[in-house]
Amino acid sequence: MIEVPHLHTVSKEAMAISLYAKGLTTRDIASYMKMHQGVDMSQPGVSTITDKVFPLVKEWQTRPHIAFLWKEVDNPDILKQVSINPKVDRVKYVTGALLWNVDLKNWSKSAMCKFISTKVTKQVTVRSVNTVRKLNQMMSVLK
């Protein structure tokens, strides 16, 4: 018999993080690890692992966008021209941009979808925060 090495070994920390990202509680993760992986993990032990990635999980659950404003519309009055659903949209004006954040579960209720089809958007460039981060990273290499 030929022994074939595992091509991909997942650490218990990576498995716990994956399960946490899918919405399992720390108790459920500890139970799953014991039942399906044969690994004893205490609930506080799982919490120690998941606490490290909690900020990332929260970020994955939101849709932050940045609307870069042309000089013609770059003033706080832009907020009067934008319909906002106060129950789900978090919008803030800063010089040069609107910062718009919506929880992923409320995306369909957000006024962001309507904003994209308004006249004002002809003087705005909207990008996701991930795109802005990547552009910033690319620009820093040029310095």
N, C-alpha and C. Protein backbone atom coordinates (compact mmCIF):
# COMPACT_ATOMS: atom_id res chain seq x y z
N MET A 1 0.84 -1.18 0.00
CA MET A 1 0.00 0.00 0.00
C MET A 1 0.89 1.24 0.00
N ILE A 2 0.56 2.19 -0.87
CA ILE A 2 1.32 3.43 -0.96
C ILE A 2 0.60 4.50 -0.14
N GLU A 3 1.35 5.15 0.72
CA GLU A 3 0.77 6.21 1.54
C GLU A 3 0.86 7.53 0.78
N VAL A 4 -0.27 8.18 0.61
CA VAL A 4 -0.31 9.45 -0.10
C VAL A 4 -0.41 10.57 0.93
N PRO A 5 0.56 11.49 0.90
CA PRO A 5 0.49 12.59 1.86
C PRO A 5 -0.69 13.51 1.55
N HIS A 6 -1.20 14.16 2.60
CA HIS A 6 -2.27 15.12 2.40
C HIS A 6 -1.75 16.29 1.59
N LEU A 7 -2.47 16.66 0.56
CA LEU A 7 -2.07 17.79 -0.26
C LEU A 7 -2.39 19.12 0.42
N HIS A 8 -3.41 19.10 1.27
CA HIS A 8 -3.81 20.34 1.90
C HIS A 8 -4.24 20.05 3.34
N THR A 9 -3.46 20.51 4.27
CA THR A 9 -3.79 20.32 5.67
C THR A 9 -4.27 21.66 6.22
N VAL A 10 -5.43 21.65 6.81
CA VAL A 10 -6.01 22.87 7.36
C VAL A 10 -5.80 22.86 8.87
N SER A 11 -5.25 23.94 9.40
CA SER A 11 -5.03 24.02 10.84
C SER A 11 -6.37 24.17 11.55
N LYS A 12 -6.37 23.83 12.83
CA LYS A 12 -7.62 23.97 13.59
C LYS A 12 -8.02 25.44 13.69
N GLU A 13 -7.03 26.35 13.71
CA GLU A 13 -7.35 27.77 13.75
C GLU A 13 -8.04 28.21 12.45
N ALA A 14 -7.51 27.75 11.32
CA ALA A 14 -8.12 28.11 10.03
C ALA A 14 -9.52 27.53 9.92
N MET A 15 -9.71 26.33 10.41
CA MET A 15 -11.03 25.68 10.37
C MET A 15 -12.01 26.47 11.25
N ALA A 16 -11.57 26.87 12.45
CA ALA A 16 -12.43 27.63 13.36
C ALA A 16 -12.82 28.97 12.74
N ILE A 17 -11.87 29.64 12.11
CA ILE A 17 -12.14 30.93 11.47
C ILE A 17 -13.13 30.76 10.32
N SER A 18 -12.94 29.71 9.53
CA SER A 18 -13.85 29.44 8.41
C SER A 18 -15.27 29.21 8.91
N LEU A 19 -15.42 28.42 9.95
CA LEU A 19 -16.75 28.14 10.50
C LEU A 19 -17.36 29.40 11.10
N TYR A 20 -16.54 30.20 11.74
CA TYR A 20 -17.01 31.46 12.34
C TYR A 20 -17.51 32.42 11.26
N ALA A 21 -16.77 32.49 10.16
CA ALA A 21 -17.17 33.36 9.06
C ALA A 21 -18.50 32.93 8.45
N LYS A 22 -18.82 31.64 8.59
CA LYS A 22 -20.09 31.12 8.07
C LYS A 22 -21.24 31.34 9.03
N GLY A 23 -20.93 31.91 10.22
CA GLY A 23 -21.99 32.25 11.16
C GLY A 23 -22.16 31.31 12.34
N LEU A 24 -21.31 30.31 12.49
CA LEU A 24 -21.42 29.40 13.62
C LEU A 24 -20.97 30.10 14.90
N THR A 25 -21.59 29.76 16.02
CA THR A 25 -21.19 30.31 17.31
C THR A 25 -19.94 29.59 17.79
N THR A 26 -19.29 30.15 18.79
CA THR A 26 -18.08 29.50 19.32
C THR A 26 -18.42 28.14 19.92
N ARG A 27 -19.60 28.03 20.51
CA ARG A 27 -20.04 26.74 21.06
C ARG A 27 -20.23 25.71 19.93
N ASP A 28 -20.87 26.15 18.84
CA ASP A 28 -21.08 25.26 17.69
C ASP A 28 -19.75 24.82 17.08
N ILE A 29 -18.80 25.75 17.02
CA ILE A 29 -17.49 25.43 16.44
C ILE A 29 -16.78 24.39 17.29
N ALA A 30 -16.78 24.58 18.61
CA ALA A 30 -16.13 23.63 19.52
C ALA A 30 -16.76 22.25 19.37
N SER A 31 -18.09 22.21 19.27
CA SER A 31 -18.81 20.95 19.11
C SER A 31 -18.47 20.29 17.78
N TYR A 32 -18.47 21.08 16.70
CA TYR A 32 -18.15 20.56 15.36
C TYR A 32 -16.74 19.98 15.33
N MET A 33 -15.79 20.72 15.89
CA MET A 33 -14.40 20.27 15.88
C MET A 33 -14.24 18.95 16.61
N LYS A 34 -14.95 18.78 17.71
CA LYS A 34 -14.88 17.53 18.48
C LYS A 34 -15.53 16.39 17.69
N MET A 35 -16.72 16.64 17.15
CA MET A 35 -17.50 15.59 16.49
C MET A 35 -16.91 15.19 15.14
N HIS A 36 -16.51 16.16 14.32
CA HIS A 36 -16.11 15.87 12.95
C HIS A 36 -14.60 15.81 12.72
N GLN A 37 -13.85 16.47 13.59
CA GLN A 37 -12.40 16.51 13.40
C GLN A 37 -11.63 15.78 14.50
N GLY A 38 -12.35 15.40 15.57
CA GLY A 38 -11.69 14.73 16.68
C GLY A 38 -10.74 15.64 17.45
N VAL A 39 -11.00 16.93 17.39
CA VAL A 39 -10.13 17.92 18.04
C VAL A 39 -10.87 18.53 19.21
N ASP A 40 -10.26 18.46 20.40
CA ASP A 40 -10.85 19.09 21.58
C ASP A 40 -10.48 20.56 21.60
N MET A 41 -11.49 21.40 21.51
CA MET A 41 -11.29 22.85 21.63
C MET A 41 -12.34 23.37 22.59
N SER A 42 -11.89 24.15 23.56
CA SER A 42 -12.85 24.75 24.49
C SER A 42 -13.51 25.96 23.83
N GLN A 43 -14.66 26.32 24.34
CA GLN A 43 -15.34 27.49 23.81
C GLN A 43 -14.48 28.75 24.00
N PRO A 44 -13.85 28.94 25.18
CA PRO A 44 -12.95 30.10 25.32
C PRO A 44 -11.76 30.04 24.36
N GLY A 45 -11.28 28.83 24.07
CA GLY A 45 -10.18 28.67 23.11
C GLY A 45 -10.59 29.10 21.71
N VAL A 46 -11.81 28.74 21.32
CA VAL A 46 -12.33 29.16 20.02
C VAL A 46 -12.49 30.67 20.00
N SER A 47 -12.97 31.25 21.10
CA SER A 47 -13.15 32.70 21.18
C SER A 47 -11.83 33.43 21.01
N THR A 48 -10.77 32.89 21.58
CA THR A 48 -9.45 33.50 21.44
C THR A 48 -9.06 33.58 19.96
N ILE A 49 -9.37 32.54 19.22
CA ILE A 49 -9.05 32.52 17.79
C ILE A 49 -9.94 33.48 17.02
N THR A 50 -11.25 33.42 17.27
CA THR A 50 -12.19 34.25 16.49
C THR A 50 -12.07 35.73 16.83
N ASP A 51 -11.66 36.06 18.06
CA ASP A 51 -11.50 37.47 18.43
C ASP A 51 -10.44 38.16 17.57
N LYS A 52 -9.48 37.39 17.08
CA LYS A 52 -8.42 37.96 16.25
C LYS A 52 -8.94 38.42 14.89
N VAL A 53 -9.98 37.76 14.39
CA VAL A 53 -10.48 38.08 13.05
C VAL A 53 -11.83 38.80 13.07
N PHE A 54 -12.37 39.07 14.26
CA PHE A 54 -13.69 39.70 14.35
C PHE A 54 -13.79 40.99 13.53
N PRO A 55 -12.80 41.89 13.61
CA PRO A 55 -12.91 43.12 12.79
C PRO A 55 -13.01 42.82 11.29
N LEU A 56 -12.30 41.82 10.81
CA LEU A 56 -12.37 41.47 9.38
C LEU A 56 -13.73 40.91 9.00
N VAL A 57 -14.29 40.08 9.87
CA VAL A 57 -15.61 39.50 9.60
C VAL A 57 -16.64 40.62 9.54
N LYS A 58 -16.57 41.58 10.45
CA LYS A 58 -17.51 42.70 10.43
C LYS A 58 -17.37 43.49 9.13
N GLU A 59 -16.14 43.67 8.67
CA GLU A 59 -15.92 44.40 7.42
C GLU A 59 -16.51 43.64 6.23
N TRP A 60 -16.38 42.31 6.22
CA TRP A 60 -16.91 41.51 5.12
C TRP A 60 -18.43 41.61 5.05
N GLN A 61 -19.06 41.93 6.19
CA GLN A 61 -20.51 41.98 6.23
C GLN A 61 -21.07 43.34 5.84
N THR A 62 -20.22 44.28 5.45
CA THR A 62 -20.68 45.60 5.05
C THR A 62 -20.24 45.90 3.63
N ARG A 63 -20.90 46.88 3.04
CA ARG A 63 -20.56 47.33 1.69
C ARG A 63 -20.18 48.81 1.75
N PRO A 64 -18.93 49.11 2.10
CA PRO A 64 -18.53 50.51 2.12
C PRO A 64 -18.15 50.99 0.72
N HIS A 65 -18.61 52.18 0.37
CA HIS A 65 -18.29 52.80 -0.92
C HIS A 65 -17.83 54.23 -0.69
N ILE A 66 -17.04 54.71 -1.62
CA ILE A 66 -16.60 56.09 -1.59
C ILE A 66 -17.03 56.73 -2.90
N ALA A 67 -17.81 57.81 -2.78
CA ALA A 67 -18.22 58.57 -3.96
C ALA A 67 -17.33 59.80 -4.04
N PHE A 68 -16.37 59.77 -4.96
CA PHE A 68 -15.48 60.91 -5.14
C PHE A 68 -16.24 62.00 -5.89
N LEU A 69 -16.22 63.20 -5.35
CA LEU A 69 -17.02 64.31 -5.88
C LEU A 69 -16.18 65.24 -6.76
N TRP A 70 -16.74 65.62 -7.91
CA TRP A 70 -16.11 66.63 -8.75
C TRP A 70 -16.28 67.97 -8.05
N LYS A 71 -15.46 68.95 -8.40
CA LYS A 71 -15.48 70.23 -7.70
C LYS A 71 -16.84 70.92 -7.78
N GLU A 72 -17.60 70.69 -8.85
CA GLU A 72 -18.91 71.33 -9.01
C GLU A 72 -19.92 70.88 -7.94
N VAL A 73 -19.76 69.73 -7.40
CA VAL A 73 -20.71 69.22 -6.39
C VAL A 73 -20.06 68.95 -5.04
N ASP A 74 -18.80 69.36 -4.90
CA ASP A 74 -18.05 69.08 -3.67
C ASP A 74 -18.37 70.10 -2.59
N ASN A 75 -19.47 69.87 -1.88
CA ASN A 75 -19.83 70.68 -0.72
C ASN A 75 -20.85 69.89 0.10
N PRO A 76 -21.03 70.27 1.37
CA PRO A 76 -21.95 69.51 2.23
C PRO A 76 -23.39 69.46 1.73
N ASP A 77 -23.78 70.41 0.86
CA ASP A 77 -25.15 70.42 0.32
C ASP A 77 -25.44 69.21 -0.56
N ILE A 78 -24.40 68.50 -0.96
CA ILE A 78 -24.61 67.29 -1.76
C ILE A 78 -25.53 66.31 -1.03
N LEU A 79 -25.49 66.32 0.28
CA LEU A 79 -26.34 65.41 1.07
C LEU A 79 -27.83 65.71 0.85
N LYS A 80 -28.17 66.95 0.49
CA LYS A 80 -29.56 67.31 0.22
C LYS A 80 -30.02 66.76 -1.13
N GLN A 81 -29.07 66.48 -2.03
CA GLN A 81 -29.40 65.98 -3.37
C GLN A 81 -29.43 64.46 -3.43
N VAL A 82 -29.06 63.84 -2.35
CA VAL A 82 -28.95 62.38 -2.31
C VAL A 82 -30.05 61.83 -1.42
N SER A 83 -30.84 60.90 -1.96
CA SER A 83 -31.84 60.26 -1.09
C SER A 83 -31.12 59.18 -0.28
N ILE A 84 -31.37 59.19 1.01
CA ILE A 84 -30.72 58.25 1.93
C ILE A 84 -31.79 57.52 2.71
N ASN A 85 -31.64 56.24 2.86
CA ASN A 85 -32.53 55.47 3.72
C ASN A 85 -31.90 55.45 5.11
N PRO A 86 -32.37 56.29 6.03
CA PRO A 86 -31.72 56.40 7.33
C PRO A 86 -31.75 55.12 8.16
N LYS A 87 -32.60 54.19 7.78
CA LYS A 87 -32.66 52.92 8.52
C LYS A 87 -31.49 51.99 8.18
N VAL A 88 -30.90 52.16 7.00
CA VAL A 88 -29.82 51.24 6.60
C VAL A 88 -28.56 51.94 6.09
N ASP A 89 -28.69 53.16 5.57
CA ASP A 89 -27.53 53.85 5.00
C ASP A 89 -26.82 54.69 6.06
N ARG A 90 -25.50 54.61 6.06
CA ARG A 90 -24.68 55.49 6.87
C ARG A 90 -23.85 56.31 5.87
N VAL A 91 -24.17 57.60 5.77
CA VAL A 91 -23.52 58.45 4.78
C VAL A 91 -22.92 59.66 5.49
N LYS A 92 -21.69 59.97 5.09
CA LYS A 92 -21.00 61.11 5.69
C LYS A 92 -20.29 61.89 4.58
N TYR A 93 -20.41 63.21 4.63
CA TYR A 93 -19.68 64.05 3.69
C TYR A 93 -18.32 64.39 4.29
N VAL A 94 -17.29 64.26 3.51
CA VAL A 94 -15.96 64.78 3.82
C VAL A 94 -15.51 65.52 2.56
N THR A 95 -14.64 66.48 2.71
CA THR A 95 -14.19 67.25 1.55
C THR A 95 -13.72 66.31 0.45
N GLY A 96 -14.37 66.40 -0.69
CA GLY A 96 -13.99 65.59 -1.85
C GLY A 96 -14.71 64.27 -2.00
N ALA A 97 -15.53 63.88 -1.01
CA ALA A 97 -16.15 62.55 -1.12
C ALA A 97 -17.35 62.38 -0.19
N LEU A 98 -18.18 61.41 -0.57
CA LEU A 98 -19.22 60.89 0.32
C LEU A 98 -18.77 59.50 0.74
N LEU A 99 -18.79 59.23 2.03
CA LEU A 99 -18.49 57.90 2.54
C LEU A 99 -19.82 57.24 2.81
N TRP A 100 -20.06 56.11 2.17
CA TRP A 100 -21.37 55.45 2.21
C TRP A 100 -21.17 54.01 2.64
N ASN A 101 -21.85 53.61 3.70
CA ASN A 101 -21.70 52.26 4.21
C ASN A 101 -23.07 51.64 4.45
N VAL A 102 -23.22 50.39 4.03
CA VAL A 102 -24.48 49.66 4.16
C VAL A 102 -24.15 48.23 4.59
N ASP A 103 -24.87 47.71 5.57
CA ASP A 103 -24.71 46.30 5.92
C ASP A 103 -25.16 45.46 4.74
N LEU A 104 -24.43 44.41 4.46
CA LEU A 104 -24.71 43.55 3.31
C LEU A 104 -26.15 43.04 3.31
N LYS A 105 -26.66 42.68 4.47
CA LYS A 105 -28.02 42.14 4.55
C LYS A 105 -29.08 43.17 4.16
N ASN A 106 -28.72 44.47 4.19
CA ASN A 106 -29.67 45.54 3.85
C ASN A 106 -29.40 46.18 2.50
N TRP A 107 -28.52 45.59 1.72
CA TRP A 107 -28.11 46.20 0.45
C TRP A 107 -29.31 46.53 -0.45
N SER A 108 -30.27 45.64 -0.53
CA SER A 108 -31.42 45.87 -1.42
C SER A 108 -32.31 47.01 -0.92
N LYS A 109 -32.22 47.35 0.37
CA LYS A 109 -33.03 48.44 0.93
C LYS A 109 -32.30 49.79 0.87
N SER A 110 -31.04 49.76 0.50
CA SER A 110 -30.22 50.96 0.49
C SER A 110 -30.61 51.91 -0.64
N ALA A 111 -30.46 53.20 -0.37
CA ALA A 111 -30.70 54.21 -1.41
C ALA A 111 -29.52 54.29 -2.38
N MET A 112 -28.44 53.60 -2.09
CA MET A 112 -27.26 53.61 -2.97
C MET A 112 -27.64 53.15 -4.37
N CYS A 113 -28.51 52.18 -4.47
CA CYS A 113 -28.94 51.67 -5.78
C CYS A 113 -29.62 52.78 -6.59
N LYS A 114 -30.43 53.60 -5.94
CA LYS A 114 -31.11 54.71 -6.61
C LYS A 114 -30.15 55.85 -6.91
N PHE A 115 -29.20 56.07 -6.02
CA PHE A 115 -28.21 57.14 -6.19
C PHE A 115 -27.43 56.96 -7.49
N ILE A 116 -27.10 55.75 -7.81
CA ILE A 116 -26.29 55.46 -8.99
C ILE A 116 -26.98 55.92 -10.27
N SER A 117 -28.31 56.02 -10.28
CA SER A 117 -29.02 56.41 -11.49
C SER A 117 -29.47 57.89 -11.49
N THR A 118 -28.95 58.70 -10.58
CA THR A 118 -29.35 60.11 -10.53
C THR A 118 -28.44 60.99 -11.38
N LYS A 119 -28.90 62.24 -11.63
CA LYS A 119 -28.10 63.20 -12.42
C LYS A 119 -26.78 63.53 -11.74
N VAL A 120 -26.82 63.59 -10.42
CA VAL A 120 -25.62 63.94 -9.65
C VAL A 120 -24.46 62.99 -9.93
N THR A 121 -24.76 61.76 -10.25
CA THR A 121 -23.68 60.79 -10.45
C THR A 121 -22.85 61.06 -11.70
N LYS A 122 -23.30 61.99 -12.54
CA LYS A 122 -22.48 62.38 -13.69
C LYS A 122 -21.27 63.19 -13.23
N GLN A 123 -21.31 63.67 -11.98
CA GLN A 123 -20.21 64.44 -11.42
C GLN A 123 -19.61 63.75 -10.20
N VAL A 124 -19.72 62.44 -10.21
CA VAL A 124 -19.25 61.62 -9.09
C VAL A 124 -18.63 60.35 -9.64
N THR A 125 -17.61 59.88 -8.97
CA THR A 125 -17.02 58.58 -9.30
C THR A 125 -17.16 57.70 -8.06
N VAL A 126 -17.93 56.61 -8.16
CA VAL A 126 -18.17 55.73 -7.02
C VAL A 126 -17.30 54.49 -7.13
N ARG A 127 -16.62 54.18 -6.04
CA ARG A 127 -15.77 52.99 -5.98
C ARG A 127 -15.95 52.29 -4.64
N SER A 128 -15.77 50.99 -4.64
CA SER A 128 -15.81 50.25 -3.37
C SER A 128 -14.53 50.57 -2.60
N VAL A 129 -14.59 50.40 -1.31
CA VAL A 129 -13.41 50.68 -0.49
C VAL A 129 -12.25 49.75 -0.84
N ASN A 130 -12.55 48.53 -1.26
CA ASN A 130 -11.47 47.61 -1.67
C ASN A 130 -10.75 48.12 -2.91
N THR A 131 -11.50 48.68 -3.86
CA THR A 131 -10.88 49.25 -5.05
C THR A 131 -10.01 50.44 -4.68
N VAL A 132 -10.50 51.28 -3.78
CA VAL A 132 -9.72 52.44 -3.34
C VAL A 132 -8.43 51.99 -2.65
N ARG A 133 -8.52 50.97 -1.83
CA ARG A 133 -7.31 50.45 -1.18
C ARG A 133 -6.30 49.96 -2.21
N LYS A 134 -6.78 49.24 -3.20
CA LYS A 134 -5.88 48.71 -4.24
C LYS A 134 -5.25 49.85 -5.04
N LEU A 135 -6.04 50.85 -5.40
CA LEU A 135 -5.51 52.00 -6.12
C LEU A 135 -4.46 52.73 -5.28
N ASN A 136 -4.73 52.88 -3.99
CA ASN A 136 -3.79 53.54 -3.09
C ASN A 136 -2.48 52.74 -3.02
N GLN A 137 -2.61 51.42 -2.95
CA GLN A 137 -1.43 50.56 -2.91
C GLN A 137 -0.62 50.71 -4.21
N MET A 138 -1.29 50.74 -5.34
CA MET A 138 -0.63 50.88 -6.62
C MET A 138 0.06 52.25 -6.74
N MET A 139 -0.60 53.29 -6.24
CA MET A 139 -0.03 54.63 -6.31
C MET A 139 1.19 54.76 -5.39
N SER A 140 1.16 54.09 -4.23
CA SER A 140 2.29 54.19 -3.30
C SER A 140 3.55 53.58 -3.89
N VAL A 141 3.40 52.62 -4.77
CA VAL A 141 4.55 51.99 -5.44
C VAL A 141 5.21 52.99 -6.40
N LEU A 142 4.42 53.89 -6.95
CA LEU A 142 4.94 54.86 -7.90
C LEU A 142 5.77 55.97 -7.25
N LYS A 143 5.60 56.15 -5.95
CA LYS A 143 6.32 57.23 -5.25
C LYS A 143 7.80 56.96 -5.16
